[in-house]
Amino acid sequence: MTTAPDKVASEAAGFSDAEFRQLAALARSEFGLSLAESKKPLVFSRLSKRLKARNVDGFSAYLKLLTQPGEDAEKLELISALTTNVTSFFRESHHFHTLREELMPELSKTARAGGRVRLWSSACSSGQEAYSIAMTVLDCLPEASKLNVRILATDIDPAIVRRAREGRYHADELAGIPEGFRRKWTRASGPDHFEMIEEAKDLITFGELNLISPWPFHGPFDAIFCRNVAIYFDQETQQGLWKALTEKLRQEGILFIGHSERVSGPAAGILSTAGVTSYRKCQGAAATGKN
């Protein structure tokens, strides 16, 4: 009996190695995405839907389509299909414990004294991470929205950024939010949905950003969340990303990364462990600019 994976592999035989390599090269140059040869059946399976949606006959024609002027939106569909937007409220809860216990006492004092506080959710997906940061900040600093406290939340996919900005989710996701937080910062939105209240939304600025392209801001940030992104990159791109993120951290700021990721390259020399997959920028390491 032919299994589903075998069926996909068989169908993928019509997706030539040369076409796969060309697609992989495009994904790497545009987005830093690293696609091993072993991923060919997966790529075939996920992109077949895009070929059908665009009424394109074969991967050769799809590759030509991707290189045509005015097809930036399809390139974003490509990266969305090849990556996984898996997220949830308070995912990897130890990071929010570190934010609360290690950073927020100091940041609350800074903000109440008129100082600037900035946090960045650098791959925010549909917004659960950014709103989890906002709720943690508000729990420690209830007047945050009236002070110079802001959260930047970015993602490469415009459609998912729009969903994040809306801040509306299925009721099933409420279970991931502590009960006290639910009462304070969410409200019902129809029979099967809820939404974040304005106080939480007002702390966050959402925007589109490709992390391997030049960034239109300088920082510095007090905390940066960049979780489960580098796993898609090759080692060189990972190291470049860690370096760039670290440069945007203020001294003693904390970088939070995914559970299967590790900081490597030049950034490792100026970061020290601050908890589980959390890294603090060492004293004496310079932060760049202000925004």
Protein backbone atom coordinates (compact mmCIF):
# COMPACT_ATOMS: atom_id res chain seq x y z
CA MET A 1 0.00 0.00 0.00
CA THR A 2 1.37 3.44 -0.91
CA THR A 3 1.65 5.76 2.08
CA ALA A 4 0.87 9.48 1.90
CA PRO A 5 4.57 10.50 2.15
CA ASP A 6 5.43 8.01 -0.61
CA LYS A 7 2.66 9.47 -2.76
CA VAL A 8 4.01 12.99 -2.28
CA ALA A 9 7.53 11.84 -3.09
CA SER A 10 6.27 10.10 -6.22
CA GLU A 11 4.37 13.18 -7.37
CA ALA A 12 7.38 15.36 -6.58
CA ALA A 13 9.33 13.46 -9.24
CA GLY A 14 7.82 16.00 -11.66
CA PHE A 15 9.58 18.73 -9.67
CA SER A 16 13.13 18.50 -11.01
CA ASP A 17 16.25 18.85 -8.90
CA ALA A 18 17.25 21.86 -10.98
CA GLU A 19 13.90 23.54 -10.30
CA PHE A 20 14.24 22.80 -6.59
CA ARG A 21 17.74 24.30 -6.49
CA GLN A 22 16.56 27.39 -8.34
CA LEU A 23 13.68 27.81 -5.91
CA ALA A 24 15.97 27.23 -2.93
CA ALA A 25 18.40 29.87 -4.23
CA LEU A 26 15.57 32.39 -4.58
CA ALA A 27 14.28 31.62 -1.07
CA ARG A 28 17.76 32.10 0.34
CA SER A 29 18.54 35.35 -1.48
CA GLU A 30 15.16 36.94 -0.75
CA PHE A 31 14.49 35.65 2.76
CA GLY A 32 17.59 33.86 4.08
CA LEU A 33 15.67 30.59 4.05
CA SER A 34 17.79 27.44 3.97
CA LEU A 35 16.17 24.50 2.12
CA ALA A 36 18.00 21.19 2.28
CA GLU A 37 17.59 18.71 -0.57
CA SER A 38 15.67 16.46 1.85
CA LYS A 39 12.93 19.11 1.98
CA LYS A 40 12.07 18.73 -1.70
CA PRO A 41 8.89 16.62 -1.16
CA LEU A 42 7.71 19.04 1.54
CA VAL A 43 8.35 22.04 -0.73
CA PHE A 44 6.48 20.30 -3.54
CA SER A 45 3.52 19.56 -1.28
CA ARG A 46 3.23 23.07 0.12
CA LEU A 47 3.78 24.96 -3.12
CA SER A 48 1.48 22.85 -5.26
CA LYS A 49 -1.40 24.86 -3.80
CA ARG A 50 0.24 28.08 -5.00
CA LEU A 51 0.60 26.70 -8.53
CA LYS A 52 -3.09 25.84 -8.52
CA ALA A 53 -4.07 29.24 -7.06
CA ARG A 54 -2.09 31.06 -9.76
CA ASN A 55 -3.20 28.68 -12.53
CA VAL A 56 0.41 27.89 -13.34
CA ASP A 57 1.41 24.68 -15.15
CA GLY A 58 4.51 23.35 -13.44
CA PHE A 59 7.33 24.66 -11.29
CA SER A 60 9.33 26.02 -14.21
CA ALA A 61 6.46 28.38 -15.03
CA TYR A 62 6.05 29.24 -11.34
CA LEU A 63 9.72 30.16 -11.07
CA LYS A 64 9.36 32.44 -14.09
CA LEU A 65 6.33 34.02 -12.44
CA LEU A 66 8.28 34.74 -9.26
CA THR A 67 10.94 36.66 -11.18
CA GLN A 68 8.49 38.88 -13.02
CA PRO A 69 8.03 42.53 -11.95
CA GLY A 70 5.10 43.11 -9.64
CA GLU A 71 5.16 39.66 -8.06
CA ASP A 72 6.40 40.66 -4.60
CA ALA A 73 3.08 39.52 -3.13
CA GLU A 74 3.60 36.03 -4.56
CA LYS A 75 7.08 35.90 -3.05
CA LEU A 76 5.46 36.53 0.33
CA GLU A 77 2.99 33.75 -0.39
CA LEU A 78 6.01 31.57 -1.10
CA ILE A 79 7.69 32.27 2.23
CA SER A 80 4.39 31.89 4.07
CA ALA A 81 3.91 28.46 2.50
CA LEU A 82 7.43 27.31 3.34
CA THR A 83 7.46 28.41 6.98
CA THR A 84 5.11 27.62 9.83
CA ASN A 85 3.22 30.35 11.67
CA VAL A 86 2.80 28.33 14.85
CA THR A 87 2.28 30.59 17.82
CA SER A 88 0.26 30.90 21.01
CA PHE A 89 -0.21 33.19 23.96
CA PHE A 90 2.61 32.96 26.52
CA ARG A 91 4.42 30.30 24.51
CA GLU A 92 7.64 29.35 26.34
CA SER A 93 6.32 30.86 29.56
CA HIS A 94 9.80 31.04 31.12
CA HIS A 95 10.57 33.97 28.82
CA PHE A 96 7.70 36.00 30.24
CA HIS A 97 8.79 35.07 33.75
CA THR A 98 12.25 36.46 32.91
CA LEU A 99 10.69 39.60 31.42
CA ARG A 100 8.59 40.10 34.56
CA GLU A 101 11.23 39.29 37.16
CA GLU A 102 14.49 40.38 35.55
CA LEU A 103 13.54 43.36 33.40
CA MET A 104 10.23 44.92 34.41
CA PRO A 105 11.26 46.16 37.91
CA GLU A 106 14.00 48.28 36.31
CA LEU A 107 11.94 49.25 33.27
CA SER A 108 9.02 50.32 35.43
CA LYS A 109 11.30 52.68 37.37
CA THR A 110 12.72 54.04 34.14
CA ALA A 111 9.29 54.68 32.63
CA ARG A 112 7.87 56.28 35.80
CA ALA A 113 10.87 58.62 35.88
CA GLY A 114 10.09 59.77 32.35
CA GLY A 115 12.50 57.46 30.58
CA ARG A 116 12.13 55.51 27.36
CA VAL A 117 11.25 51.79 27.27
CA ARG A 118 11.21 49.78 24.03
CA LEU A 119 10.54 46.09 23.39
CA TRP A 120 10.50 44.27 20.06
CA SER A 121 8.62 41.17 18.92
CA SER A 122 10.63 40.65 15.75
CA ALA A 123 8.66 37.76 14.23
CA CYS A 124 5.25 38.41 15.72
CA SER A 125 3.19 36.16 13.43
CA SER A 126 -0.51 36.73 14.23
CA GLY A 127 0.28 38.76 17.33
CA GLN A 128 -0.01 36.42 20.31
CA GLU A 129 3.61 37.01 21.33
CA ALA A 130 3.30 40.80 21.16
CA TYR A 131 0.07 40.81 23.18
CA SER A 132 1.64 38.46 25.73
CA ILE A 133 4.46 41.00 26.13
CA ALA A 134 1.92 43.82 26.43
CA MET A 135 -0.08 42.03 29.13
CA THR A 136 3.10 41.26 31.09
CA VAL A 137 4.14 44.92 30.88
CA LEU A 138 0.69 46.16 31.92
CA ASP A 139 0.54 43.76 34.84
CA CYS A 140 3.80 45.21 36.17
CA LEU A 141 3.19 48.78 35.02
CA PRO A 142 -0.57 49.46 34.75
CA GLU A 143 -0.06 53.02 33.49
CA ALA A 144 2.33 51.91 30.72
CA SER A 145 0.14 53.19 27.88
CA LYS A 146 0.38 56.71 29.34
CA LEU A 147 4.18 56.60 29.58
CA ASN A 148 7.01 56.38 27.02
CA VAL A 149 6.62 52.60 26.70
CA ARG A 150 6.18 50.99 23.30
CA ILE A 151 6.30 47.52 21.79
CA LEU A 152 7.33 47.10 18.15
CA ALA A 153 5.90 43.96 16.51
CA THR A 154 7.02 42.96 13.02
CA ASP A 155 6.57 40.09 10.58
CA ILE A 156 7.36 39.54 6.92
CA ASP A 157 3.80 38.56 5.92
CA PRO A 158 1.44 41.54 5.39
CA ALA A 159 -1.68 39.39 5.76
CA ILE A 160 -0.61 38.00 9.10
CA VAL A 161 0.42 41.46 10.31
CA ARG A 162 -3.11 42.67 9.55
CA ARG A 163 -4.50 39.81 11.64
CA ALA A 164 -2.15 40.70 14.48
CA ARG A 165 -3.14 44.36 14.36
CA GLU A 166 -6.80 43.38 14.57
CA GLY A 167 -6.10 41.47 17.78
CA ARG A 168 -9.07 39.11 17.44
CA TYR A 169 -8.75 35.38 18.15
CA HIS A 170 -10.80 32.21 18.45
CA ALA A 171 -12.11 31.46 21.92
CA ASP A 172 -10.04 28.26 22.06
CA GLU A 173 -6.93 30.40 22.54
CA LEU A 174 -8.19 31.93 25.78
CA ALA A 175 -6.89 28.92 27.67
CA GLY A 176 -3.33 30.12 27.04
CA ILE A 177 -3.93 33.41 28.86
CA PRO A 178 -3.86 33.49 32.69
CA GLU A 179 -7.35 34.01 34.09
CA GLY A 180 -6.56 37.35 35.69
CA PHE A 181 -5.15 38.64 32.42
CA ARG A 182 -8.23 37.48 30.52
CA ARG A 183 -10.48 39.54 32.77
CA LYS A 184 -8.37 42.68 32.46
CA TRP A 185 -7.24 42.77 28.83
CA THR A 186 -9.63 40.72 26.70
CA ARG A 187 -13.32 40.95 25.84
CA ALA A 188 -15.81 38.82 23.95
CA SER A 189 -16.09 39.43 20.22
CA GLY A 190 -18.95 37.29 18.95
CA PRO A 191 -19.93 33.85 20.21
CA ASP A 192 -16.65 32.11 19.35
CA HIS A 193 -14.05 34.87 19.48
CA PHE A 194 -12.39 37.36 21.79
CA GLU A 195 -10.26 40.43 21.22
CA MET A 196 -7.62 42.39 23.05
CA ILE A 197 -8.81 45.63 24.60
CA GLU A 198 -7.51 49.00 23.41
CA GLU A 199 -5.18 49.46 26.39
CA ALA A 200 -3.13 46.46 25.23
CA LYS A 201 -3.37 47.36 21.54
CA ASP A 202 -2.24 50.92 22.18
CA LEU A 203 1.14 49.74 23.45
CA ILE A 204 1.98 47.97 20.18
CA THR A 205 3.01 49.24 16.76
CA PHE A 206 2.72 46.54 14.09
CA GLY A 207 4.66 46.62 10.84
CA GLU A 208 6.05 44.50 8.01
CA LEU A 209 9.74 43.59 8.07
CA ASN A 210 12.06 41.13 6.36
CA LEU A 211 14.69 40.36 9.00
CA ILE A 212 17.47 39.85 6.46
CA SER A 213 16.84 43.20 4.76
CA PRO A 214 18.00 46.58 6.14
CA TRP A 215 15.96 47.67 9.16
CA PRO A 216 14.36 51.16 9.07
CA PHE A 217 14.94 51.82 12.79
CA HIS A 218 17.85 52.01 15.19
CA GLY A 219 16.74 51.08 18.71
CA PRO A 220 18.09 50.48 21.24
CA PHE A 221 15.64 47.97 22.68
CA ASP A 222 15.41 46.81 26.27
CA ALA A 223 14.25 43.36 25.15
CA ILE A 224 14.00 41.59 21.81
CA PHE A 225 12.00 38.43 21.16
CA CYS A 226 13.25 36.55 18.08
CA ARG A 227 11.97 33.03 18.57
CA ASN A 228 11.80 30.13 16.12
CA VAL A 229 13.02 32.21 13.18
CA ALA A 230 16.71 31.35 12.93
CA ILE A 231 15.83 27.65 12.58
CA TYR A 232 14.93 28.41 8.95
CA PHE A 233 18.31 30.01 8.18
CA ASP A 234 21.73 28.58 7.41
CA GLN A 235 24.52 29.14 9.92
CA GLU A 236 25.95 32.22 8.21
CA THR A 237 22.56 33.94 8.08
CA GLN A 238 21.83 32.95 11.69
CA GLN A 239 25.06 34.47 12.90
CA GLY A 240 24.40 37.67 10.97
CA LEU A 241 20.93 37.90 12.50
CA TRP A 242 22.18 37.35 16.06
CA LYS A 243 24.82 40.04 15.52
CA ALA A 244 22.31 42.54 14.13
CA LEU A 245 19.82 41.91 16.94
CA THR A 246 22.50 42.23 19.60
CA GLU A 247 23.59 45.56 18.16
CA LYS A 248 20.04 46.81 18.67
CA LEU A 249 19.98 45.82 22.36
CA ARG A 250 20.91 48.31 25.03
CA GLN A 251 23.48 47.30 27.61
CA GLU A 252 21.93 44.72 29.97
CA GLY A 253 19.03 44.23 27.53
CA ILE A 254 17.80 40.68 26.97
CA LEU A 255 17.42 38.66 23.76
CA PHE A 256 14.86 35.83 23.84
CA ILE A 257 15.21 33.04 21.27
CA GLY A 258 13.46 29.74 20.48
CA HIS A 259 13.92 26.57 22.49
CA SER A 260 15.74 24.80 19.63
CA GLU A 261 18.00 27.75 18.77
CA ARG A 262 21.43 28.76 20.09
CA VAL A 263 23.29 32.04 19.65
CA SER A 264 26.53 31.61 17.70
CA GLY A 265 29.12 33.75 15.93
CA PRO A 266 30.23 37.26 16.99
CA ALA A 267 27.11 37.87 19.11
CA ALA A 268 27.99 35.01 21.44
CA GLY A 269 30.99 36.97 22.68
CA ILE A 270 28.91 39.86 24.01
CA LEU A 271 25.95 37.95 25.41
CA SER A 272 25.70 36.02 28.65
CA THR A 273 23.03 33.56 29.72
CA ALA A 274 20.08 35.20 31.47
CA GLY A 275 17.83 32.15 31.69
CA VAL A 276 16.52 29.38 29.44
CA THR A 277 17.23 30.54 25.85
CA SER A 278 17.55 34.11 27.16
CA TYR A 279 20.71 36.17 26.71
CA ARG A 280 21.76 39.44 28.35
CA LYS A 281 23.97 41.96 26.59
CA CYS A 282 27.15 42.38 28.58
CA GLN A 283 28.19 45.70 30.07
CA GLY A 284 30.51 47.67 27.82
CA ALA A 285 28.95 46.37 24.59
CA ALA A 286 27.61 49.33 22.61
CA ALA A 287 23.99 49.72 21.55
CA THR A 288 23.24 51.70 18.42
CA GLY A 289 21.15 54.81 17.95
CA LYS A 290 17.74 55.74 19.30
CA ASN A 291 14.25 55.42 17.93
